Protein backbone atom coordinates (compact mmCIF):
# COMPACT_ATOMS: atom_id res chain seq x y z
CA UNK A 1 -14.06 -10.24 -23.58
CA UNK A 2 -14.76 -8.84 -20.10
CA UNK A 3 -16.85 -11.88 -19.18
CA UNK A 4 -14.06 -14.21 -20.31
CA UNK A 5 -11.50 -12.37 -18.18
CA UNK A 6 -13.88 -12.36 -15.21
CA UNK A 7 -14.45 -16.12 -15.53
CA UNK A 8 -10.69 -16.81 -15.66
CA UNK A 9 -9.99 -14.62 -12.64
CA UNK A 10 -12.86 -16.15 -10.64
CA UNK A 11 -11.69 -19.67 -11.46
CA UNK A 12 -8.12 -18.81 -10.41
CA UNK A 13 -9.30 -17.22 -7.14
CA UNK A 14 -11.42 -20.28 -6.30
CA UNK A 15 -8.70 -22.82 -7.18
CA UNK A 16 -5.94 -21.00 -5.31
CA UNK A 17 -8.22 -20.27 -2.33
CA UNK A 18 -7.24 -16.59 -2.42
CA UNK A 19 -10.41 -15.47 -0.65
CA UNK A 20 -11.06 -16.88 2.81
CA UNK A 21 -14.38 -18.32 3.94
CA UNK A 22 -15.02 -15.22 6.05
CA UNK A 23 -15.19 -12.99 2.98
CA UNK A 24 -18.78 -12.13 2.12
CA UNK A 25 -18.60 -9.02 -0.03
CA UNK A 26 -18.46 -9.59 -3.78
CA UNK A 27 -18.60 -13.36 -3.26
CA UNK A 28 -21.13 -15.58 -5.03
CA UNK A 29 -23.61 -17.26 -2.71
CA UNK A 30 -22.84 -14.99 0.24
CA UNK A 31 -24.75 -11.89 1.24
CA UNK A 32 -24.86 -9.22 3.89
CA UNK A 33 -27.40 -11.37 5.70
CA UNK A 34 -25.08 -14.40 5.62
CA UNK A 35 -22.30 -12.18 7.00
CA UNK A 36 -24.54 -10.97 9.82
CA UNK A 37 -25.60 -14.51 10.70
CA UNK A 38 -21.99 -15.74 10.77
CA UNK A 39 -20.96 -12.78 12.94
CA UNK A 40 -23.89 -13.26 15.31
CA UNK A 41 -23.16 -16.99 15.57
CA UNK A 42 -19.53 -16.30 16.48
CA UNK A 43 -20.38 -13.65 19.06
CA UNK A 44 -23.10 -15.70 20.75
CA UNK A 45 -20.68 -18.63 20.89
CA UNK A 46 -18.17 -16.49 22.75
CA UNK A 47 -20.86 -15.23 25.13
CA UNK A 48 -21.96 -18.85 25.77
CA UNK A 49 -18.33 -19.64 26.64
CA UNK A 50 -18.34 -16.72 29.13
CA UNK A 51 -15.80 -14.78 27.09
CA UNK A 52 -15.77 -10.99 27.04
CA UNK A 53 -17.23 -9.57 23.83
CA UNK A 54 -17.15 -5.97 22.64
CA UNK A 55 -18.77 -4.93 19.38
CA UNK A 56 -18.45 -1.56 17.67
CA UNK A 57 -20.65 -0.66 14.71
CA UNK A 58 -19.45 2.09 12.41
CA UNK A 59 -21.54 3.72 9.71
CA UNK A 60 -19.38 5.45 7.11
CA UNK A 61 -22.29 6.27 4.81
CA UNK A 62 -22.52 9.93 5.73
CA UNK A 63 -18.75 10.33 5.70
CA UNK A 64 -18.63 9.39 2.04
CA UNK A 65 -21.58 11.63 1.21
CA UNK A 66 -19.78 14.69 2.61
CA UNK A 67 -16.78 14.36 0.29
CA UNK A 68 -17.11 16.03 -3.08
CA UNK A 69 -17.13 13.52 -5.93
CA UNK A 70 -15.01 15.90 -8.02
CA UNK A 71 -12.31 15.93 -5.35
CA UNK A 72 -12.25 12.12 -5.28
CA UNK A 73 -12.02 11.89 -9.05
CA UNK A 74 -9.25 14.49 -9.09
CA UNK A 75 -7.36 12.67 -6.33
CA UNK A 76 -7.62 9.36 -8.13
CA UNK A 77 -6.34 10.73 -11.41
CA UNK A 78 -3.51 12.50 -9.58
CA UNK A 79 -2.43 9.27 -7.88
CA UNK A 80 -2.42 7.41 -11.18
CA UNK A 81 -0.09 9.95 -12.81
CA UNK A 82 2.43 9.90 -9.95
């Protein structure tokens, strides 16, 4: 049943063009590497055109590891009841 629902939702999303071409996460045929290549291509194009380019990389990995899982689960269930 879950696979049937997933197939219907995916077909709808593709037909209605809900997800833009820039979306890479959770998209078939696109990966983190494809995202990086597209980003790099865009940035180098701007540099070639003598445009100013600033890039900021953020790593949230440790931020999520410092939050207690029990607090997150409790917060989620609280939000659902409200």
